[in-house]
Amino acid sequence: MKRALIFVFSLFFSASIIAQITGSVVNIDKTPVSGATVSLLSSKDSSIAKLELTNTDGRFNFNSIKAGNYIISATHIGYTKLFIIWLY
């Protein structure tokens, strides 16, 4: 049985059109998931804008994000894939 992933993230604005998205990937027990692949996808065509791996604390960071609508995806072996729509 696959376990669920959960996102905990925040958005930091460094300019009116550029932002930074940081967050954590945790499991249902709120335990950090290290080594998860986090993808930032364009909502227009699902093309990959950026990729990150979570660190040992389950944290990830996307720098210099332009204004737009995105899909954030997290995957890890043994877990179900998680998608979040990010409107910015």
N, C-alpha and C. Protein backbone atom coordinates (compact mmCIF):
# COMPACT_ATOMS: atom_id res chain seq x y z
N MET A 1 0.83 -1.17 0.00
CA MET A 1 0.00 0.00 0.00
C MET A 1 0.88 1.24 0.00
N LYS A 2 0.58 2.16 -0.88
CA LYS A 2 1.37 3.39 -0.96
C LYS A 2 0.91 4.38 0.09
N ARG A 3 1.87 5.14 0.59
CA ARG A 3 1.59 6.16 1.58
C ARG A 3 1.43 7.51 0.89
N ALA A 4 0.82 8.45 1.57
CA ALA A 4 0.55 9.76 0.99
C ALA A 4 1.67 10.75 1.32
N LEU A 5 1.92 11.67 0.38
CA LEU A 5 2.85 12.78 0.60
C LEU A 5 2.02 14.02 0.90
N ILE A 6 2.58 14.91 1.68
CA ILE A 6 1.92 16.17 2.02
C ILE A 6 2.93 17.30 1.79
N PHE A 7 2.47 18.41 1.21
CA PHE A 7 3.30 19.59 1.02
C PHE A 7 3.09 20.57 2.17
N VAL A 8 4.16 21.17 2.62
CA VAL A 8 4.12 22.31 3.51
C VAL A 8 5.05 23.32 2.84
N PHE A 9 4.50 24.42 2.35
CA PHE A 9 5.37 25.36 1.64
C PHE A 9 4.91 26.79 1.81
N SER A 10 5.79 27.68 1.41
CA SER A 10 5.50 29.11 1.49
C SER A 10 6.10 29.81 0.28
N LEU A 11 5.63 31.00 0.03
CA LEU A 11 6.08 31.79 -1.11
C LEU A 11 6.71 33.07 -0.59
N PHE A 12 7.90 33.36 -1.06
CA PHE A 12 8.59 34.58 -0.68
C PHE A 12 8.76 35.45 -1.92
N PHE A 13 8.34 36.69 -1.84
CA PHE A 13 8.47 37.62 -2.96
C PHE A 13 9.78 38.39 -2.83
N SER A 14 10.57 38.38 -3.89
CA SER A 14 11.78 39.18 -3.88
C SER A 14 11.67 40.36 -4.84
N ALA A 15 10.67 40.35 -5.66
CA ALA A 15 10.35 41.45 -6.58
C ALA A 15 8.92 41.22 -7.03
N SER A 16 8.37 42.16 -7.77
CA SER A 16 6.97 42.03 -8.16
C SER A 16 6.74 40.89 -9.15
N ILE A 17 7.78 40.48 -9.89
CA ILE A 17 7.57 39.40 -10.85
C ILE A 17 8.44 38.17 -10.58
N ILE A 18 9.26 38.22 -9.55
CA ILE A 18 10.12 37.08 -9.25
C ILE A 18 9.87 36.67 -7.80
N ALA A 19 9.77 35.38 -7.58
CA ALA A 19 9.50 34.87 -6.23
C ALA A 19 10.38 33.67 -5.94
N GLN A 20 10.32 33.24 -4.70
CA GLN A 20 11.03 32.04 -4.25
C GLN A 20 10.00 31.16 -3.56
N ILE A 21 9.94 29.90 -3.94
CA ILE A 21 9.03 28.95 -3.30
C ILE A 21 9.89 27.97 -2.51
N THR A 22 9.64 27.90 -1.22
CA THR A 22 10.33 26.93 -0.38
C THR A 22 9.28 26.09 0.33
N GLY A 23 9.63 24.91 0.69
CA GLY A 23 8.67 24.08 1.39
C GLY A 23 9.26 22.77 1.84
N SER A 24 8.40 21.92 2.35
CA SER A 24 8.79 20.61 2.82
C SER A 24 7.83 19.57 2.29
N VAL A 25 8.34 18.38 2.11
CA VAL A 25 7.51 17.23 1.78
C VAL A 25 7.56 16.30 2.97
N VAL A 26 6.40 16.00 3.52
CA VAL A 26 6.30 15.12 4.68
C VAL A 26 5.28 14.03 4.39
N ASN A 27 5.34 12.95 5.16
CA ASN A 27 4.34 11.91 4.99
C ASN A 27 3.15 12.19 5.91
N ILE A 28 2.19 11.30 5.91
CA ILE A 28 0.96 11.50 6.68
C ILE A 28 1.23 11.64 8.18
N ASP A 29 2.34 11.07 8.65
CA ASP A 29 2.73 11.19 10.06
C ASP A 29 3.56 12.44 10.34
N LYS A 30 3.69 13.30 9.32
CA LYS A 30 4.47 14.54 9.40
C LYS A 30 5.97 14.29 9.56
N THR A 31 6.42 13.13 9.10
CA THR A 31 7.84 12.81 9.08
C THR A 31 8.43 13.30 7.76
N PRO A 32 9.54 14.03 7.75
CA PRO A 32 10.13 14.52 6.50
C PRO A 32 10.47 13.37 5.56
N VAL A 33 10.26 13.62 4.26
CA VAL A 33 10.60 12.64 3.22
C VAL A 33 11.82 13.16 2.47
N SER A 34 12.99 12.59 2.74
CA SER A 34 14.21 13.03 2.06
C SER A 34 14.33 12.31 0.72
N GLY A 35 14.92 13.00 -0.24
CA GLY A 35 15.15 12.41 -1.56
C GLY A 35 13.93 12.38 -2.45
N ALA A 36 12.86 13.09 -2.09
CA ALA A 36 11.68 13.18 -2.96
C ALA A 36 11.99 14.12 -4.11
N THR A 37 11.48 13.81 -5.28
CA THR A 37 11.64 14.69 -6.44
C THR A 37 10.48 15.67 -6.46
N VAL A 38 10.79 16.96 -6.44
CA VAL A 38 9.77 18.00 -6.50
C VAL A 38 9.93 18.72 -7.83
N SER A 39 8.86 18.76 -8.61
CA SER A 39 8.89 19.36 -9.94
C SER A 39 8.01 20.59 -9.98
N LEU A 40 8.51 21.65 -10.60
CA LEU A 40 7.73 22.85 -10.86
C LEU A 40 7.39 22.81 -12.34
N LEU A 41 6.10 22.64 -12.65
CA LEU A 41 5.64 22.49 -14.03
C LEU A 41 4.83 23.69 -14.46
N SER A 42 4.95 24.07 -15.72
CA SER A 42 4.11 25.12 -16.28
C SER A 42 2.69 24.59 -16.39
N SER A 43 1.72 25.36 -15.89
CA SER A 43 0.33 24.89 -15.97
C SER A 43 -0.20 24.94 -17.40
N LYS A 44 0.45 25.70 -18.25
CA LYS A 44 0.01 25.83 -19.64
C LYS A 44 0.19 24.53 -20.42
N ASP A 45 1.36 23.90 -20.29
CA ASP A 45 1.63 22.70 -21.09
C ASP A 45 2.32 21.59 -20.29
N SER A 46 2.40 21.73 -18.99
CA SER A 46 3.04 20.76 -18.08
C SER A 46 4.53 20.55 -18.35
N SER A 47 5.16 21.51 -19.03
CA SER A 47 6.61 21.40 -19.24
C SER A 47 7.32 21.69 -17.92
N ILE A 48 8.49 21.10 -17.75
CA ILE A 48 9.25 21.25 -16.51
C ILE A 48 9.95 22.61 -16.49
N ALA A 49 9.66 23.40 -15.46
CA ALA A 49 10.32 24.69 -15.27
C ALA A 49 11.55 24.52 -14.37
N LYS A 50 11.43 23.72 -13.31
CA LYS A 50 12.53 23.47 -12.39
C LYS A 50 12.32 22.13 -11.70
N LEU A 51 13.43 21.52 -11.26
CA LEU A 51 13.41 20.27 -10.50
C LEU A 51 14.27 20.42 -9.27
N GLU A 52 13.86 19.82 -8.18
CA GLU A 52 14.64 19.81 -6.94
C GLU A 52 14.46 18.47 -6.26
N LEU A 53 15.45 18.07 -5.48
CA LEU A 53 15.34 16.93 -4.57
C LEU A 53 15.24 17.47 -3.16
N THR A 54 14.43 16.86 -2.33
CA THR A 54 14.34 17.30 -0.95
C THR A 54 15.59 16.86 -0.19
N ASN A 55 16.00 17.68 0.78
CA ASN A 55 17.17 17.34 1.58
C ASN A 55 16.77 16.37 2.70
N THR A 56 17.66 16.12 3.63
CA THR A 56 17.37 15.16 4.71
C THR A 56 16.23 15.60 5.62
N ASP A 57 15.93 16.89 5.62
CA ASP A 57 14.80 17.42 6.40
C ASP A 57 13.52 17.50 5.57
N GLY A 58 13.56 16.99 4.33
CA GLY A 58 12.39 17.03 3.46
C GLY A 58 12.15 18.38 2.81
N ARG A 59 13.11 19.30 2.91
CA ARG A 59 12.94 20.66 2.39
C ARG A 59 13.40 20.79 0.94
N PHE A 60 12.72 21.69 0.21
CA PHE A 60 13.09 22.02 -1.16
C PHE A 60 13.01 23.53 -1.33
N ASN A 61 13.64 24.04 -2.41
CA ASN A 61 13.68 25.48 -2.65
C ASN A 61 13.75 25.76 -4.15
N PHE A 62 12.80 26.52 -4.65
CA PHE A 62 12.84 27.00 -6.03
C PHE A 62 13.13 28.49 -5.99
N ASN A 63 14.24 28.92 -6.60
CA ASN A 63 14.62 30.34 -6.64
C ASN A 63 14.25 30.96 -7.97
N SER A 64 14.09 32.27 -7.98
CA SER A 64 13.89 33.07 -9.19
C SER A 64 12.74 32.55 -10.05
N ILE A 65 11.57 32.45 -9.46
CA ILE A 65 10.38 31.99 -10.18
C ILE A 65 9.66 33.21 -10.75
N LYS A 66 9.40 33.18 -12.04
CA LYS A 66 8.66 34.27 -12.68
C LYS A 66 7.17 34.12 -12.38
N ALA A 67 6.46 35.24 -12.41
CA ALA A 67 5.02 35.21 -12.18
C ALA A 67 4.35 34.29 -13.19
N GLY A 68 3.39 33.54 -12.74
CA GLY A 68 2.68 32.62 -13.61
C GLY A 68 1.97 31.56 -12.82
N ASN A 69 1.30 30.67 -13.52
CA ASN A 69 0.59 29.57 -12.89
C ASN A 69 1.40 28.30 -13.06
N TYR A 70 1.54 27.57 -11.98
CA TYR A 70 2.37 26.37 -11.98
C TYR A 70 1.65 25.19 -11.34
N ILE A 71 2.17 24.03 -11.63
CA ILE A 71 1.78 22.80 -10.94
C ILE A 71 3.02 22.31 -10.22
N ILE A 72 2.89 22.02 -8.94
CA ILE A 72 4.01 21.48 -8.17
C ILE A 72 3.70 20.02 -7.92
N SER A 73 4.67 19.16 -8.23
CA SER A 73 4.50 17.73 -8.10
C SER A 73 5.59 17.17 -7.21
N ALA A 74 5.24 16.20 -6.36
CA ALA A 74 6.23 15.51 -5.53
C ALA A 74 6.07 14.01 -5.74
N THR A 75 7.19 13.33 -5.94
CA THR A 75 7.17 11.88 -6.10
C THR A 75 8.29 11.26 -5.28
N HIS A 76 8.06 10.04 -4.83
CA HIS A 76 9.05 9.27 -4.12
C HIS A 76 8.62 7.81 -4.17
N ILE A 77 9.57 6.90 -4.27
CA ILE A 77 9.24 5.48 -4.32
C ILE A 77 8.50 5.09 -3.05
N GLY A 78 7.40 4.37 -3.22
CA GLY A 78 6.61 3.92 -2.08
C GLY A 78 5.50 4.87 -1.67
N TYR A 79 5.42 6.04 -2.34
CA TYR A 79 4.40 7.03 -2.03
C TYR A 79 3.56 7.31 -3.27
N THR A 80 2.33 7.75 -3.06
CA THR A 80 1.51 8.19 -4.18
C THR A 80 2.01 9.55 -4.63
N LYS A 81 1.85 9.85 -5.92
CA LYS A 81 2.29 11.13 -6.48
C LYS A 81 1.34 12.22 -6.00
N LEU A 82 1.88 13.39 -5.71
CA LEU A 82 1.10 14.51 -5.21
C LEU A 82 1.23 15.69 -6.17
N PHE A 83 0.10 16.33 -6.47
CA PHE A 83 0.08 17.51 -7.32
C PHE A 83 -0.60 18.66 -6.57
N ILE A 84 -0.05 19.86 -6.72
CA ILE A 84 -0.64 21.08 -6.17
C ILE A 84 -0.66 22.11 -7.30
N ILE A 85 -1.77 22.81 -7.47
CA ILE A 85 -1.84 23.91 -8.44
C ILE A 85 -1.40 25.19 -7.71
N TRP A 86 -0.44 25.90 -8.30
CA TRP A 86 0.09 27.13 -7.71
C TRP A 86 -0.24 28.28 -8.64
N LEU A 87 -1.09 29.20 -8.20
CA LEU A 87 -1.47 30.36 -9.00
C LEU A 87 -0.75 31.58 -8.44
N TYR A 88 0.03 32.23 -9.31
CA TYR A 88 0.80 33.37 -8.86
C TYR A 88 0.76 34.44 -9.90
